[in-house]
Amino acid sequence: MVIARRPLLTATAAATLLAALWFVPSANATDEPGSRSGPATTTVAGDTAAGPRLADTGTGVDTTPYLIGGMTFLGIGAAFVTHSARRADA
């Protein structure tokens, strides 16, 4: 029964991770009265005709490091898949 223990541990680890992620709060952008506070508030009080306003993220976010990192990990994953496929054929 030693062989059956490994998939059980993998399933337990996956279930634990999913259970932990269940409690991560979501970032919903809602426009509730009284929820605006802090120095970033630019809406004039009583200005409800403009509708809900989302946070200002600036002129643009530089996503180049994220793209390079994502492509790197994608390449590493493809190399692992190729290596294990060649190893299984040999």
N, C-alpha and C. Protein backbone atom coordinates (compact mmCIF):
# COMPACT_ATOMS: atom_id res chain seq x y z
N MET A 1 0.81 -1.19 0.00
CA MET A 1 0.00 0.00 0.00
C MET A 1 0.86 1.26 0.00
N VAL A 2 2.14 1.10 -0.11
CA VAL A 2 3.04 2.25 -0.15
C VAL A 2 2.84 3.04 -1.43
N ILE A 3 2.53 2.36 -2.53
CA ILE A 3 2.36 3.04 -3.81
C ILE A 3 1.12 3.92 -3.81
N ALA A 4 0.06 3.51 -3.15
CA ALA A 4 -1.19 4.27 -3.14
C ALA A 4 -1.11 5.51 -2.25
N ARG A 5 -0.08 5.60 -1.43
CA ARG A 5 0.03 6.73 -0.51
C ARG A 5 0.40 8.03 -1.23
N ARG A 6 1.19 7.94 -2.29
CA ARG A 6 1.64 9.15 -2.99
C ARG A 6 0.49 9.91 -3.65
N PRO A 7 -0.42 9.27 -4.40
CA PRO A 7 -1.56 10.02 -4.95
C PRO A 7 -2.47 10.59 -3.87
N LEU A 8 -2.55 9.90 -2.75
CA LEU A 8 -3.36 10.40 -1.65
C LEU A 8 -2.76 11.67 -1.07
N LEU A 9 -1.44 11.71 -0.95
CA LEU A 9 -0.78 12.92 -0.45
C LEU A 9 -0.92 14.07 -1.45
N THR A 10 -0.84 13.76 -2.73
CA THR A 10 -1.00 14.79 -3.75
C THR A 10 -2.42 15.36 -3.72
N ALA A 11 -3.40 14.50 -3.61
CA ALA A 11 -4.79 14.95 -3.54
C ALA A 11 -5.04 15.76 -2.28
N THR A 12 -4.45 15.36 -1.18
CA THR A 12 -4.61 16.10 0.08
C THR A 12 -3.97 17.49 -0.02
N ALA A 13 -2.79 17.56 -0.63
CA ALA A 13 -2.14 18.86 -0.79
C ALA A 13 -2.95 19.77 -1.70
N ALA A 14 -3.51 19.22 -2.79
CA ALA A 14 -4.32 20.03 -3.69
C ALA A 14 -5.59 20.51 -3.00
N ALA A 15 -6.24 19.64 -2.25
CA ALA A 15 -7.45 20.02 -1.53
C ALA A 15 -7.15 21.09 -0.48
N THR A 16 -6.03 20.98 0.19
CA THR A 16 -5.64 21.98 1.19
C THR A 16 -5.40 23.33 0.54
N LEU A 17 -4.72 23.33 -0.60
CA LEU A 17 -4.48 24.59 -1.32
C LEU A 17 -5.78 25.22 -1.78
N LEU A 18 -6.69 24.43 -2.33
CA LEU A 18 -7.98 24.97 -2.77
C LEU A 18 -8.79 25.50 -1.59
N ALA A 19 -8.75 24.80 -0.47
CA ALA A 19 -9.48 25.27 0.71
C ALA A 19 -8.89 26.59 1.22
N ALA A 20 -7.57 26.73 1.17
CA ALA A 20 -6.94 27.98 1.61
C ALA A 20 -7.29 29.12 0.67
N LEU A 21 -7.32 28.85 -0.63
CA LEU A 21 -7.65 29.89 -1.60
C LEU A 21 -9.11 30.31 -1.52
N TRP A 22 -9.96 29.47 -0.99
CA TRP A 22 -11.38 29.78 -0.86
C TRP A 22 -11.58 31.02 0.03
N PHE A 23 -10.68 31.20 1.00
CA PHE A 23 -10.84 32.29 1.96
C PHE A 23 -10.11 33.56 1.56
N VAL A 24 -9.47 33.58 0.39
CA VAL A 24 -8.82 34.81 -0.09
C VAL A 24 -9.90 35.77 -0.54
N PRO A 25 -9.89 36.99 -0.05
CA PRO A 25 -10.95 37.93 -0.43
C PRO A 25 -10.84 38.33 -1.90
N SER A 26 -11.98 38.58 -2.49
CA SER A 26 -11.99 39.03 -3.88
C SER A 26 -11.93 40.55 -3.92
N ALA A 27 -11.41 41.08 -5.01
CA ALA A 27 -11.28 42.52 -5.18
C ALA A 27 -12.40 43.01 -6.09
N ASN A 28 -13.53 43.29 -5.53
CA ASN A 28 -14.66 43.79 -6.30
C ASN A 28 -14.66 45.31 -6.29
N ALA A 29 -14.83 45.91 -7.45
CA ALA A 29 -14.89 47.36 -7.55
C ALA A 29 -16.35 47.78 -7.50
N THR A 30 -16.81 48.14 -6.33
CA THR A 30 -18.20 48.56 -6.17
C THR A 30 -18.25 50.01 -5.77
N ASP A 31 -19.36 50.63 -6.03
CA ASP A 31 -19.55 52.02 -5.68
C ASP A 31 -20.65 52.10 -4.62
N GLU A 32 -20.27 51.83 -3.39
CA GLU A 32 -21.22 51.88 -2.30
C GLU A 32 -21.12 53.23 -1.59
N PRO A 33 -22.23 53.79 -1.19
CA PRO A 33 -22.18 55.07 -0.47
C PRO A 33 -21.39 54.94 0.83
N GLY A 34 -20.53 55.91 1.06
CA GLY A 34 -19.76 55.92 2.30
C GLY A 34 -18.51 55.06 2.24
N SER A 35 -18.23 54.40 1.11
CA SER A 35 -17.06 53.54 1.04
C SER A 35 -15.82 54.28 0.57
N ARG A 36 -15.97 55.52 0.17
CA ARG A 36 -14.83 56.30 -0.33
C ARG A 36 -14.16 57.01 0.82
N SER A 37 -12.88 56.80 0.93
CA SER A 37 -12.13 57.48 1.98
C SER A 37 -10.69 57.61 1.54
N GLY A 38 -9.95 58.40 2.22
CA GLY A 38 -8.53 58.55 1.92
C GLY A 38 -8.26 59.70 0.98
N PRO A 39 -6.98 59.98 0.76
CA PRO A 39 -6.60 61.13 -0.08
C PRO A 39 -6.83 60.89 -1.57
N ALA A 40 -7.08 59.67 -2.00
CA ALA A 40 -7.25 59.39 -3.43
C ALA A 40 -8.65 59.73 -3.93
N THR A 41 -9.53 60.15 -3.04
CA THR A 41 -10.90 60.46 -3.43
C THR A 41 -10.93 61.78 -4.19
N THR A 42 -11.43 61.71 -5.45
CA THR A 42 -11.49 62.91 -6.26
C THR A 42 -12.92 63.27 -6.62
N THR A 43 -13.88 62.44 -6.23
CA THR A 43 -15.27 62.70 -6.56
C THR A 43 -15.86 63.71 -5.58
N VAL A 44 -16.55 64.68 -6.09
CA VAL A 44 -17.18 65.68 -5.26
C VAL A 44 -18.39 65.04 -4.58
N ALA A 45 -18.59 65.33 -3.33
CA ALA A 45 -19.72 64.76 -2.60
C ALA A 45 -21.03 65.17 -3.26
N GLY A 46 -21.91 64.23 -3.47
CA GLY A 46 -23.18 64.49 -4.11
C GLY A 46 -23.13 64.35 -5.62
N ASP A 47 -21.98 64.00 -6.19
CA ASP A 47 -21.85 63.83 -7.63
C ASP A 47 -22.20 62.40 -8.00
N THR A 48 -23.48 62.07 -7.98
CA THR A 48 -23.91 60.71 -8.31
C THR A 48 -24.31 60.57 -9.76
N ALA A 49 -24.36 61.68 -10.51
CA ALA A 49 -24.76 61.61 -11.92
C ALA A 49 -23.66 60.99 -12.78
N ALA A 50 -22.42 61.07 -12.32
CA ALA A 50 -21.32 60.51 -13.10
C ALA A 50 -21.29 58.99 -13.06
N GLY A 51 -21.95 58.38 -12.12
CA GLY A 51 -21.97 56.93 -12.01
C GLY A 51 -20.78 56.42 -11.22
N PRO A 52 -20.62 55.12 -11.17
CA PRO A 52 -19.51 54.55 -10.40
C PRO A 52 -18.16 54.90 -11.03
N ARG A 53 -17.20 55.16 -10.16
CA ARG A 53 -15.86 55.49 -10.63
C ARG A 53 -14.87 54.47 -10.06
N LEU A 54 -14.00 53.98 -10.91
CA LEU A 54 -12.99 53.03 -10.48
C LEU A 54 -11.70 53.76 -10.13
N ALA A 55 -10.81 53.06 -9.51
CA ALA A 55 -9.55 53.65 -9.08
C ALA A 55 -8.70 54.05 -10.29
N ASP A 56 -7.99 55.14 -10.16
CA ASP A 56 -7.10 55.59 -11.21
C ASP A 56 -5.80 54.80 -11.10
N THR A 57 -5.42 54.13 -12.19
CA THR A 57 -4.21 53.31 -12.16
C THR A 57 -3.01 54.00 -12.77
N GLY A 58 -3.14 55.23 -13.12
CA GLY A 58 -2.01 55.98 -13.66
C GLY A 58 -2.01 55.96 -15.18
N THR A 59 -0.87 56.33 -15.75
CA THR A 59 -0.77 56.44 -17.20
C THR A 59 -0.63 55.08 -17.87
N GLY A 60 -0.19 54.10 -17.17
CA GLY A 60 -0.03 52.78 -17.75
C GLY A 60 0.85 51.92 -16.88
N VAL A 61 0.62 50.65 -16.93
CA VAL A 61 1.41 49.71 -16.14
C VAL A 61 2.37 49.00 -17.08
N ASP A 62 3.62 48.94 -16.72
CA ASP A 62 4.62 48.26 -17.53
C ASP A 62 4.50 46.76 -17.29
N THR A 63 3.98 46.05 -18.28
CA THR A 63 3.78 44.61 -18.14
C THR A 63 4.92 43.79 -18.73
N THR A 64 5.98 44.44 -19.19
CA THR A 64 7.09 43.72 -19.82
C THR A 64 7.72 42.67 -18.91
N PRO A 65 8.00 42.95 -17.63
CA PRO A 65 8.58 41.91 -16.78
C PRO A 65 7.65 40.71 -16.61
N TYR A 66 6.35 40.96 -16.55
CA TYR A 66 5.40 39.86 -16.41
C TYR A 66 5.36 39.00 -17.67
N LEU A 67 5.43 39.64 -18.83
CA LEU A 67 5.44 38.89 -20.09
C LEU A 67 6.71 38.07 -20.23
N ILE A 68 7.85 38.67 -19.90
CA ILE A 68 9.12 37.94 -19.99
C ILE A 68 9.13 36.77 -19.02
N GLY A 69 8.69 37.00 -17.79
CA GLY A 69 8.65 35.92 -16.80
C GLY A 69 7.69 34.81 -17.21
N GLY A 70 6.53 35.19 -17.72
CA GLY A 70 5.55 34.19 -18.16
C GLY A 70 6.07 33.36 -19.31
N MET A 71 6.69 34.01 -20.27
CA MET A 71 7.26 33.27 -21.41
C MET A 71 8.41 32.37 -20.96
N THR A 72 9.19 32.82 -19.99
CA THR A 72 10.28 32.00 -19.48
C THR A 72 9.75 30.73 -18.83
N PHE A 73 8.75 30.89 -17.95
CA PHE A 73 8.17 29.72 -17.29
C PHE A 73 7.46 28.81 -18.29
N LEU A 74 6.84 29.39 -19.30
CA LEU A 74 6.20 28.58 -20.34
C LEU A 74 7.24 27.77 -21.10
N GLY A 75 8.37 28.38 -21.41
CA GLY A 75 9.45 27.67 -22.08
C GLY A 75 10.04 26.57 -21.23
N ILE A 76 10.23 26.84 -19.94
CA ILE A 76 10.75 25.82 -19.03
C ILE A 76 9.77 24.64 -18.93
N GLY A 77 8.49 24.95 -18.84
CA GLY A 77 7.48 23.88 -18.78
C GLY A 77 7.46 23.06 -20.05
N ALA A 78 7.58 23.71 -21.21
CA ALA A 78 7.61 22.98 -22.48
C ALA A 78 8.85 22.11 -22.58
N ALA A 79 9.98 22.61 -22.06
CA ALA A 79 11.21 21.81 -22.05
C ALA A 79 11.06 20.58 -21.17
N PHE A 80 10.40 20.73 -20.01
CA PHE A 80 10.17 19.57 -19.14
C PHE A 80 9.27 18.54 -19.81
N VAL A 81 8.23 19.00 -20.48
CA VAL A 81 7.32 18.08 -21.16
C VAL A 81 8.05 17.36 -22.28
N THR A 82 8.85 18.08 -23.06
CA THR A 82 9.61 17.47 -24.15
C THR A 82 10.62 16.46 -23.61
N HIS A 83 11.30 16.83 -22.54
CA HIS A 83 12.29 15.93 -21.94
C HIS A 83 11.64 14.64 -21.44
N SER A 84 10.50 14.76 -20.75
CA SER A 84 9.87 13.56 -20.22
C SER A 84 9.25 12.72 -21.34
N ALA A 85 8.80 13.34 -22.43
CA ALA A 85 8.27 12.56 -23.55
C ALA A 85 9.39 11.78 -24.24
N ARG A 86 10.55 12.41 -24.40
CA ARG A 86 11.69 11.71 -25.00
C ARG A 86 12.22 10.61 -24.09
N ARG A 87 12.19 10.85 -22.81
CA ARG A 87 12.66 9.87 -21.84
C ARG A 87 11.74 8.66 -21.78
N ALA A 88 10.43 8.89 -21.96
CA ALA A 88 9.47 7.78 -21.93
C ALA A 88 9.60 6.91 -23.17
N ASP A 89 10.01 7.50 -24.30
CA ASP A 89 10.18 6.74 -25.54
C ASP A 89 11.44 5.89 -25.52
N ALA A 90 12.44 6.30 -24.77
CA ALA A 90 13.72 5.58 -24.77
C ALA A 90 13.68 4.32 -23.95
